[in-house]
PDB file of all heavy atoms in Angstrom:
ATOM      1  N   VAL A   1     -20.293-104.386 -63.596  1.00  0.00           N
ATOM      2  CA  VAL A   1     -19.662-105.611 -63.089  1.00  0.00           C
ATOM      3  C   VAL A   1     -19.551-105.551 -61.567  1.00  0.00           C
ATOM      4  O   VAL A   1     -19.848-106.532 -60.860  1.00  0.00           O
ATOM      5  CB  VAL A   1     -18.271-105.811 -63.728  1.00  0.00           C
ATOM      6  CG1 VAL A   1     -17.539-106.971 -63.064  1.00  0.00           C
ATOM      7  CG2 VAL A   1     -18.404-106.046 -65.221  1.00  0.00           C
ATOM      8  N   TRP A   2     -19.125-104.415 -61.035  1.00  0.00           N
ATOM      9  CA  TRP A   2     -19.017-104.255 -59.583  1.00  0.00           C
ATOM     10  C   TRP A   2     -20.370-104.427 -58.905  1.00  0.00           C
ATOM     11  O   TRP A   2     -20.484-105.109 -57.879  1.00  0.00           O
ATOM     12  CB  TRP A   2     -18.447-102.876 -59.258  1.00  0.00           C
ATOM     13  CG  TRP A   2     -18.453-102.574 -57.795  1.00  0.00           C
ATOM     14  CD1 TRP A   2     -17.514-102.920 -56.865  1.00  0.00           C
ATOM     15  CD2 TRP A   2     -19.489-101.876 -57.082  1.00  0.00           C
ATOM     16  NE1 TRP A   2     -17.887-102.475 -55.622  1.00  0.00           N
ATOM     17  CE2 TRP A   2     -19.092-101.839 -55.722  1.00  0.00           C
ATOM     18  CE3 TRP A   2     -20.697-101.294 -57.464  1.00  0.00           C
ATOM     19  CZ2 TRP A   2     -19.876-101.233 -54.755  1.00  0.00           C
ATOM     20  CZ3 TRP A   2     -21.479-100.689 -56.487  1.00  0.00           C
ATOM     21  CH2 TRP A   2     -21.072-100.652 -55.162  1.00  0.00           C
ATOM     22  N   ARG A   3     -21.404-103.798 -59.478  1.00  0.00           N
ATOM     23  CA  ARG A   3     -22.745-103.882 -58.892  1.00  0.00           C
ATOM     24  C   ARG A   3     -23.253-105.325 -58.899  1.00  0.00           C
ATOM     25  O   ARG A   3     -23.865-105.784 -57.923  1.00  0.00           O
ATOM     26  CB  ARG A   3     -23.689-102.971 -59.691  1.00  0.00           C
ATOM     27  CG  ARG A   3     -25.143-102.946 -59.189  1.00  0.00           C
ATOM     28  CD  ARG A   3     -25.295-102.005 -58.038  1.00  0.00           C
ATOM     29  NE  ARG A   3     -26.662-101.964 -57.574  1.00  0.00           N
ATOM     30  CZ  ARG A   3     -27.593-101.103 -58.026  1.00  0.00           C
ATOM     31  NH1 ARG A   3     -27.254-100.208 -58.945  1.00  0.00           N
ATOM     32  NH2 ARG A   3     -28.818-101.121 -57.556  1.00  0.00           N
ATOM     33  N   TYR A   4     -22.975-106.039 -59.975  1.00  0.00           N
ATOM     34  CA  TYR A   4     -23.451-107.418 -60.083  1.00  0.00           C
ATOM     35  C   TYR A   4     -22.737-108.330 -59.087  1.00  0.00           C
ATOM     36  O   TYR A   4     -23.335-109.245 -58.526  1.00  0.00           O
ATOM     37  CB  TYR A   4     -23.230-107.936 -61.501  1.00  0.00           C
ATOM     38  CG  TYR A   4     -23.762-109.337 -61.722  1.00  0.00           C
ATOM     39  CD1 TYR A   4     -25.130-109.561 -61.877  1.00  0.00           C
ATOM     40  CD2 TYR A   4     -22.901-110.423 -61.752  1.00  0.00           C
ATOM     41  CE1 TYR A   4     -25.623-110.845 -62.071  1.00  0.00           C
ATOM     42  CE2 TYR A   4     -23.380-111.706 -61.942  1.00  0.00           C
ATOM     43  CZ  TYR A   4     -24.742-111.911 -62.102  1.00  0.00           C
ATOM     44  OH  TYR A   4     -25.226-113.182 -62.290  1.00  0.00           O
ATOM     45  N   ARG A   5     -21.469-108.068 -58.840  1.00  0.00           N
ATOM     46  CA  ARG A   5     -20.693-108.928 -57.943  1.00  0.00           C
ATOM     47  C   ARG A   5     -20.957-108.638 -56.470  1.00  0.00           C
ATOM     48  O   ARG A   5     -20.983-109.547 -55.647  1.00  0.00           O
ATOM     49  CB  ARG A   5     -19.202-108.770 -58.239  1.00  0.00           C
ATOM     50  CG  ARG A   5     -18.760-109.324 -59.573  1.00  0.00           C
ATOM     51  CD  ARG A   5     -17.257-109.410 -59.667  1.00  0.00           C
ATOM     52  NE  ARG A   5     -16.700-110.277 -58.628  1.00  0.00           N
ATOM     53  CZ  ARG A   5     -15.395-110.500 -58.455  1.00  0.00           C
ATOM     54  NH1 ARG A   5     -14.525-109.895 -59.259  1.00  0.00           N
ATOM     55  NH2 ARG A   5     -14.967-111.294 -57.505  1.00  0.00           N
ATOM     56  N   TYR A   6     -21.165-107.376 -56.145  1.00  0.00           N
ATOM     57  CA  TYR A   6     -21.214-106.999 -54.727  1.00  0.00           C
ATOM     58  C   TYR A   6     -22.567-106.471 -54.269  1.00  0.00           C
ATOM     59  O   TYR A   6     -22.726-106.165 -53.082  1.00  0.00           O
ATOM     60  CB  TYR A   6     -20.138-105.945 -54.438  1.00  0.00           C
ATOM     61  CG  TYR A   6     -18.747-106.445 -54.682  1.00  0.00           C
ATOM     62  CD1 TYR A   6     -18.035-106.056 -55.811  1.00  0.00           C
ATOM     63  CD2 TYR A   6     -18.130-107.315 -53.783  1.00  0.00           C
ATOM     64  CE1 TYR A   6     -16.744-106.516 -56.057  1.00  0.00           C
ATOM     65  CE2 TYR A   6     -16.845-107.784 -54.006  1.00  0.00           C
ATOM     66  CZ  TYR A   6     -16.155-107.383 -55.143  1.00  0.00           C
ATOM     67  OH  TYR A   6     -14.892-107.845 -55.373  1.00  0.00           O
ATOM     68  N   ASP A   7     -23.532-106.332 -55.182  1.00  0.00           N
ATOM     69  CA  ASP A   7     -24.834-105.789 -54.767  1.00  0.00           C
ATOM     70  C   ASP A   7     -25.958-106.479 -55.535  1.00  0.00           C
ATOM     71  O   ASP A   7     -26.830-105.824 -56.097  1.00  0.00           O
ATOM     72  CB  ASP A   7     -24.867-104.274 -54.993  1.00  0.00           C
ATOM     73  CG  ASP A   7     -26.111-103.632 -54.376  1.00  0.00           C
ATOM     74  OD1 ASP A   7     -26.615-104.155 -53.379  1.00  0.00           O
ATOM     75  OD2 ASP A   7     -26.582-102.628 -54.928  1.00  0.00           O
ATOM     76  N   ARG A   8     -25.940-107.796 -55.547  1.00  0.00           N
ATOM     77  CA  ARG A   8     -26.972-108.516 -56.294  1.00  0.00           C
ATOM     78  C   ARG A   8     -28.358-108.321 -55.688  1.00  0.00           C
ATOM     79  O   ARG A   8     -29.356-108.287 -56.403  1.00  0.00           O
ATOM     80  CB  ARG A   8     -26.633-110.004 -56.349  1.00  0.00           C
ATOM     81  CG  ARG A   8     -25.422-110.331 -57.199  1.00  0.00           C
ATOM     82  CD  ARG A   8     -25.283-111.829 -57.409  1.00  0.00           C
ATOM     83  NE  ARG A   8     -24.088-112.151 -58.185  1.00  0.00           N
ATOM     84  CZ  ARG A   8     -23.763-113.375 -58.571  1.00  0.00           C
ATOM     85  NH1 ARG A   8     -24.556-114.386 -58.236  1.00  0.00           N
ATOM     86  NH2 ARG A   8     -22.665-113.583 -59.261  1.00  0.00           N
ATOM     87  N   PHE A   9     -28.419-108.211 -54.379  1.00  0.00           N
ATOM     88  CA  PHE A   9     -29.722-108.011 -53.738  1.00  0.00           C
ATOM     89  C   PHE A   9     -30.269-106.606 -54.014  1.00  0.00           C
ATOM     90  O   PHE A   9     -31.466-106.367 -53.891  1.00  0.00           O
ATOM     91  CB  PHE A   9     -29.616-108.247 -52.231  1.00  0.00           C
ATOM     92  CG  PHE A   9     -29.423-109.688 -51.863  1.00  0.00           C
ATOM     93  CD1 PHE A   9     -28.188-110.144 -51.445  1.00  0.00           C
ATOM     94  CD2 PHE A   9     -30.474-110.588 -51.933  1.00  0.00           C
ATOM     95  CE1 PHE A   9     -27.998-111.475 -51.096  1.00  0.00           C
ATOM     96  CE2 PHE A   9     -30.301-111.920 -51.608  1.00  0.00           C
ATOM     97  CZ  PHE A   9     -29.054-112.368 -51.183  1.00  0.00           C
ATOM     98  N   GLY A  10     -29.389-105.679 -54.372  1.00  0.00           N
ATOM     99  CA  GLY A  10     -29.840-104.334 -54.709  1.00  0.00           C
ATOM    100  C   GLY A  10     -30.129-104.159 -56.182  1.00  0.00           C
ATOM    101  O   GLY A  10     -30.534-103.074 -56.606  1.00  0.00           O
ATOM    102  N   TRP A  11     -29.927-105.228 -56.964  1.00  0.00           N
ATOM    103  CA  TRP A  11     -30.161-105.173 -58.411  1.00  0.00           C
ATOM    104  C   TRP A  11     -31.653-105.315 -58.654  1.00  0.00           C
ATOM    105  O   TRP A  11     -32.164-106.369 -59.021  1.00  0.00           O
ATOM    106  CB  TRP A  11     -29.380-106.310 -59.085  1.00  0.00           C
ATOM    107  CG  TRP A  11     -29.267-106.223 -60.571  1.00  0.00           C
ATOM    108  CD1 TRP A  11     -30.272-106.341 -61.481  1.00  0.00           C
ATOM    109  CD2 TRP A  11     -28.072-106.018 -61.335  1.00  0.00           C
ATOM    110  NE1 TRP A  11     -29.783-106.228 -62.749  1.00  0.00           N
ATOM    111  CE2 TRP A  11     -28.437-106.030 -62.696  1.00  0.00           C
ATOM    112  CE3 TRP A  11     -26.737-105.830 -61.002  1.00  0.00           C
ATOM    113  CZ2 TRP A  11     -27.496-105.858 -63.721  1.00  0.00           C
ATOM    114  CZ3 TRP A  11     -25.821-105.663 -62.012  1.00  0.00           C
ATOM    115  CH2 TRP A  11     -26.192-105.677 -63.350  1.00  0.00           C
ATOM    116  N   THR A  12     -32.376-104.258 -58.468  1.00  0.00           N
ATOM    117  CA  THR A  12     -33.825-104.308 -58.533  1.00  0.00           C
ATOM    118  C   THR A  12     -34.379-102.927 -58.823  1.00  0.00           C
ATOM    119  O   THR A  12     -33.688-101.914 -58.659  1.00  0.00           O
ATOM    120  CB  THR A  12     -34.400-104.828 -57.205  1.00  0.00           C
ATOM    121  OG1 THR A  12     -35.822-104.721 -57.214  1.00  0.00           O
ATOM    122  CG2 THR A  12     -33.880-103.993 -56.030  1.00  0.00           C
ATOM    123  N   THR A  13     -35.625-102.888 -59.244  1.00  0.00           N
ATOM    124  CA  THR A  13     -36.289-101.611 -59.484  1.00  0.00           C
ATOM    125  C   THR A  13     -36.843-101.006 -58.193  1.00  0.00           C
ATOM    126  O   THR A  13     -37.326 -99.884 -58.210  1.00  0.00           O
ATOM    127  CB  THR A  13     -37.464-101.782 -60.462  1.00  0.00           C
ATOM    128  OG1 THR A  13     -38.403-102.707 -59.905  1.00  0.00           O
ATOM    129  CG2 THR A  13     -36.978-102.300 -61.801  1.00  0.00           C
ATOM    130  N   ARG A  14     -36.801-101.794 -57.114  1.00  0.00           N
ATOM    131  CA  ARG A  14     -37.418-101.372 -55.850  1.00  0.00           C
ATOM    132  C   ARG A  14     -38.868-100.934 -56.096  1.00  0.00           C
ATOM    133  O   ARG A  14     -39.253 -99.791 -55.858  1.00  0.00           O
ATOM    134  CB  ARG A  14     -36.613-100.258 -55.181  1.00  0.00           C
ATOM    135  CG  ARG A  14     -35.235-100.664 -54.771  1.00  0.00           C
ATOM    136  CD  ARG A  14     -34.641 -99.716 -53.734  1.00  0.00           C
ATOM    137  NE  ARG A  14     -34.496 -98.371 -54.268  1.00  0.00           N
ATOM    138  CZ  ARG A  14     -33.423 -97.958 -54.922  1.00  0.00           C
ATOM    139  NH1 ARG A  14     -32.427 -98.785 -55.157  1.00  0.00           N
ATOM    140  NH2 ARG A  14     -33.331 -96.722 -55.370  1.00  0.00           N
ATOM    141  N   SER A  15     -39.620-101.871 -56.611  1.00  0.00           N
ATOM    142  CA  SER A  15     -41.003-101.590 -57.012  1.00  0.00           C
ATOM    143  C   SER A  15     -41.815-101.020 -55.848  1.00  0.00           C
ATOM    144  O   SER A  15     -41.718-101.470 -54.712  1.00  0.00           O
ATOM    145  CB  SER A  15     -41.667-102.865 -57.525  1.00  0.00           C
ATOM    146  OG  SER A  15     -43.032-102.643 -57.813  1.00  0.00           O
ATOM    147  N   SER A  16     -42.630-100.035 -56.168  1.00  0.00           N
ATOM    148  CA  SER A  16     -43.511 -99.408 -55.172  1.00  0.00           C
ATOM    149  C   SER A  16     -44.977 -99.657 -55.503  1.00  0.00           C
ATOM    150  O   SER A  16     -45.851 -98.907 -55.070  1.00  0.00           O
ATOM    151  CB  SER A  16     -43.240 -97.901 -55.127  1.00  0.00           C
ATOM    152  OG  SER A  16     -43.425 -97.318 -56.408  1.00  0.00           O
ATOM    153  N   GLN A  17     -45.235-100.700 -56.268  1.00  0.00           N
ATOM    154  CA  GLN A  17     -46.611-101.000 -56.670  1.00  0.00           C
ATOM    155  C   GLN A  17     -47.488-101.322 -55.469  1.00  0.00           C
ATOM    156  O   GLN A  17     -48.694-101.078 -55.485  1.00  0.00           O
ATOM    157  CB  GLN A  17     -46.617-102.181 -57.648  1.00  0.00           C
ATOM    158  CG  GLN A  17     -48.000-102.510 -58.205  1.00  0.00           C
ATOM    159  CD  GLN A  17     -47.966-103.633 -59.217  1.00  0.00           C
ATOM    160  OE1 GLN A  17     -46.907-104.206 -59.484  1.00  0.00           O
ATOM    161  NE2 GLN A  17     -49.099-103.944 -59.795  1.00  0.00           N
ATOM    162  N   LEU A  18     -46.877-101.859 -54.423  1.00  0.00           N
ATOM    163  CA  LEU A  18     -47.644-102.192 -53.223  1.00  0.00           C
ATOM    164  C   LEU A  18     -48.256-100.949 -52.588  1.00  0.00           C
ATOM    165  O   LEU A  18     -49.328-101.006 -51.994  1.00  0.00           O
ATOM    166  CB  LEU A  18     -46.727-102.899 -52.212  1.00  0.00           C
ATOM    167  CG  LEU A  18     -47.361-103.353 -50.899  1.00  0.00           C
ATOM    168  CD1 LEU A  18     -48.402-104.440 -51.176  1.00  0.00           C
ATOM    169  CD2 LEU A  18     -46.303-103.873 -49.937  1.00  0.00           C
ATOM    170  N   TYR A  19     -47.594 -99.799 -52.733  1.00  0.00           N
ATOM    171  CA  TYR A  19     -48.071 -98.566 -52.115  1.00  0.00           C
ATOM    172  C   TYR A  19     -49.138 -97.862 -52.957  1.00  0.00           C
ATOM    173  O   TYR A  19     -50.033 -97.233 -52.426  1.00  0.00           O
ATOM    174  CB  TYR A  19     -46.904 -97.604 -51.898  1.00  0.00           C
ATOM    175  CG  TYR A  19     -45.790 -98.165 -51.060  1.00  0.00           C
ATOM    176  CD1 TYR A  19     -44.474 -98.093 -51.479  1.00  0.00           C
ATOM    177  CD2 TYR A  19     -46.058 -98.777 -49.839  1.00  0.00           C
ATOM    178  CE1 TYR A  19     -43.442 -98.612 -50.710  1.00  0.00           C
ATOM    179  CE2 TYR A  19     -45.041 -99.301 -49.063  1.00  0.00           C
ATOM    180  CZ  TYR A  19     -43.737 -99.210 -49.502  1.00  0.00           C
ATOM    181  OH  TYR A  19     -42.721 -99.735 -48.744  1.00  0.00           O
ATOM    182  N   GLU A  20     -48.980 -97.952 -54.275  1.00  0.00           N
ATOM    183  CA  GLU A  20     -49.921 -97.265 -55.168  1.00  0.00           C
ATOM    184  C   GLU A  20     -49.871 -97.926 -56.531  1.00  0.00           C
ATOM    185  O   GLU A  20     -48.785 -98.163 -57.070  1.00  0.00           O
ATOM    186  CB  GLU A  20     -49.552 -95.784 -55.297  1.00  0.00           C
ATOM    187  CG  GLU A  20     -50.658 -94.903 -55.846  1.00  0.00           C
ATOM    188  CD  GLU A  20     -50.806 -94.995 -57.371  1.00  0.00           C
ATOM    189  OE1 GLU A  20     -49.815 -95.336 -58.039  1.00  0.00           O
ATOM    190  OE2 GLU A  20     -51.897 -94.726 -57.882  1.00  0.00           O
ATOM    191  N   SER A  21     -51.014 -98.264 -57.100  1.00  0.00           N
ATOM    192  CA  SER A  21     -51.035 -98.977 -58.378  1.00  0.00           C
ATOM    193  C   SER A  21     -51.897 -98.308 -59.447  1.00  0.00           C
ATOM    194  O   SER A  21     -51.756 -98.617 -60.625  1.00  0.00           O
ATOM    195  CB  SER A  21     -51.514-100.417 -58.170  1.00  0.00           C
ATOM    196  OG  SER A  21     -52.839-100.428 -57.646  1.00  0.00           O
ATOM    197  N   ARG A  22     -52.786 -97.399 -59.049  1.00  0.00           N
ATOM    198  CA  ARG A  22     -53.701 -96.800 -60.030  1.00  0.00           C
ATOM    199  C   ARG A  22     -52.945 -95.981 -61.062  1.00  0.00           C
ATOM    200  O   ARG A  22     -53.086 -96.189 -62.268  1.00  0.00           O
ATOM    201  CB  ARG A  22     -54.736 -95.928 -59.307  1.00  0.00           C
ATOM    202  CG  ARG A  22     -55.779 -95.308 -60.240  1.00  0.00           C
ATOM    203  CD  ARG A  22     -56.810 -94.538 -59.427  1.00  0.00           C
ATOM    204  NE  ARG A  22     -56.180 -93.462 -58.684  1.00  0.00           N
ATOM    205  CZ  ARG A  22     -55.970 -92.233 -59.176  1.00  0.00           C
ATOM    206  NH1 ARG A  22     -56.330 -91.951 -60.424  1.00  0.00           N
ATOM    207  NH2 ARG A  22     -55.401 -91.302 -58.441  1.00  0.00           N
ATOM    208  N   LEU A  23     -52.122 -95.030 -60.612  1.00  0.00           N
ATOM    209  CA  LEU A  23     -51.329 -94.227 -61.541  1.00  0.00           C
ATOM    210  C   LEU A  23     -50.227 -95.051 -62.208  1.00  0.00           C
ATOM    211  O   LEU A  23     -49.896 -94.825 -63.367  1.00  0.00           O
ATOM    212  CB  LEU A  23     -50.704 -93.034 -60.806  1.00  0.00           C
ATOM    213  CG  LEU A  23     -51.560 -91.789 -60.629  1.00  0.00           C
ATOM    214  CD1 LEU A  23     -50.813 -90.751 -59.814  1.00  0.00           C
ATOM    215  CD2 LEU A  23     -51.960 -91.210 -61.980  1.00  0.00           C
ATOM    216  N   LEU A  24     -49.692 -96.009 -61.460  1.00  0.00           N
ATOM    217  CA  LEU A  24     -48.604 -96.822 -62.002  1.00  0.00           C
ATOM    218  C   LEU A  24     -49.055 -97.625 -63.210  1.00  0.00           C
ATOM    219  O   LEU A  24     -48.273 -97.829 -64.149  1.00  0.00           O
ATOM    220  CB  LEU A  24     -48.067 -97.754 -60.913  1.00  0.00           C
ATOM    221  CG  LEU A  24     -46.794 -98.532 -61.255  1.00  0.00           C
ATOM    222  CD1 LEU A  24     -45.630 -97.570 -61.459  1.00  0.00           C
ATOM    223  CD2 LEU A  24     -46.467 -99.538 -60.158  1.00  0.00           C
ATOM    224  N   ARG A  25     -50.295 -98.079 -63.212  1.00  0.00           N
ATOM    225  CA  ARG A  25     -50.811 -98.862 -64.339  1.00  0.00           C
ATOM    226  C   ARG A  25     -50.870 -98.039 -65.615  1.00  0.00           C
ATOM    227  O   ARG A  25     -50.862 -98.589 -66.718  1.00  0.00           O
ATOM    228  CB  ARG A  25     -52.202 -99.415 -64.002  1.00  0.00           C
ATOM    229  CG  ARG A  25     -52.187-100.595 -63.063  1.00  0.00           C
ATOM    230  CD  ARG A  25     -53.513-101.338 -63.105  1.00  0.00           C
ATOM    231  NE  ARG A  25     -54.607-100.480 -62.675  1.00  0.00           N
ATOM    232  CZ  ARG A  25     -55.078-100.452 -61.436  1.00  0.00           C
ATOM    233  NH1 ARG A  25     -54.526-101.207 -60.503  1.00  0.00           N
ATOM    234  NH2 ARG A  25     -56.090 -99.673 -61.125  1.00  0.00           N
ATOM    235  N   ILE A  26     -50.950 -96.720 -65.473  1.00  0.00           N
ATOM    236  CA  ILE A  26     -50.989 -95.845 -66.650  1.00  0.00           C
ATOM    237  C   ILE A  26     -49.591 -95.354 -66.998  1.00  0.00           C
ATOM    238  O   ILE A  26     -49.164 -95.416 -68.158  1.00  0.00           O
ATOM    239  CB  ILE A  26     -51.917 -94.638 -66.388  1.00  0.00           C
ATOM    240  CG1 ILE A  26     -53.334 -95.114 -66.065  1.00  0.00           C
ATOM    241  CG2 ILE A  26     -51.921 -93.696 -67.585  1.00  0.00           C
ATOM    242  CD1 ILE A  26     -54.258 -93.999 -65.634  1.00  0.00           C
ATOM    243  N   ALA A  27     -48.866 -94.877 -66.001  1.00  0.00           N
ATOM    244  CA  ALA A  27     -47.583 -94.225 -66.247  1.00  0.00           C
ATOM    245  C   ALA A  27     -46.499 -95.193 -66.693  1.00  0.00           C
ATOM    246  O   ALA A  27     -45.730 -94.890 -67.608  1.00  0.00           O
ATOM    247  CB  ALA A  27     -47.132 -93.496 -64.976  1.00  0.00           C
TER     248      ALA A  27
END
């Protein structure tokens, strides 16, 4: 509840697909 109220912009996986996608597509 605290995270949702005060850190909505941080509610993310922080995707790193932009940096590397070959292994990510498998893993």
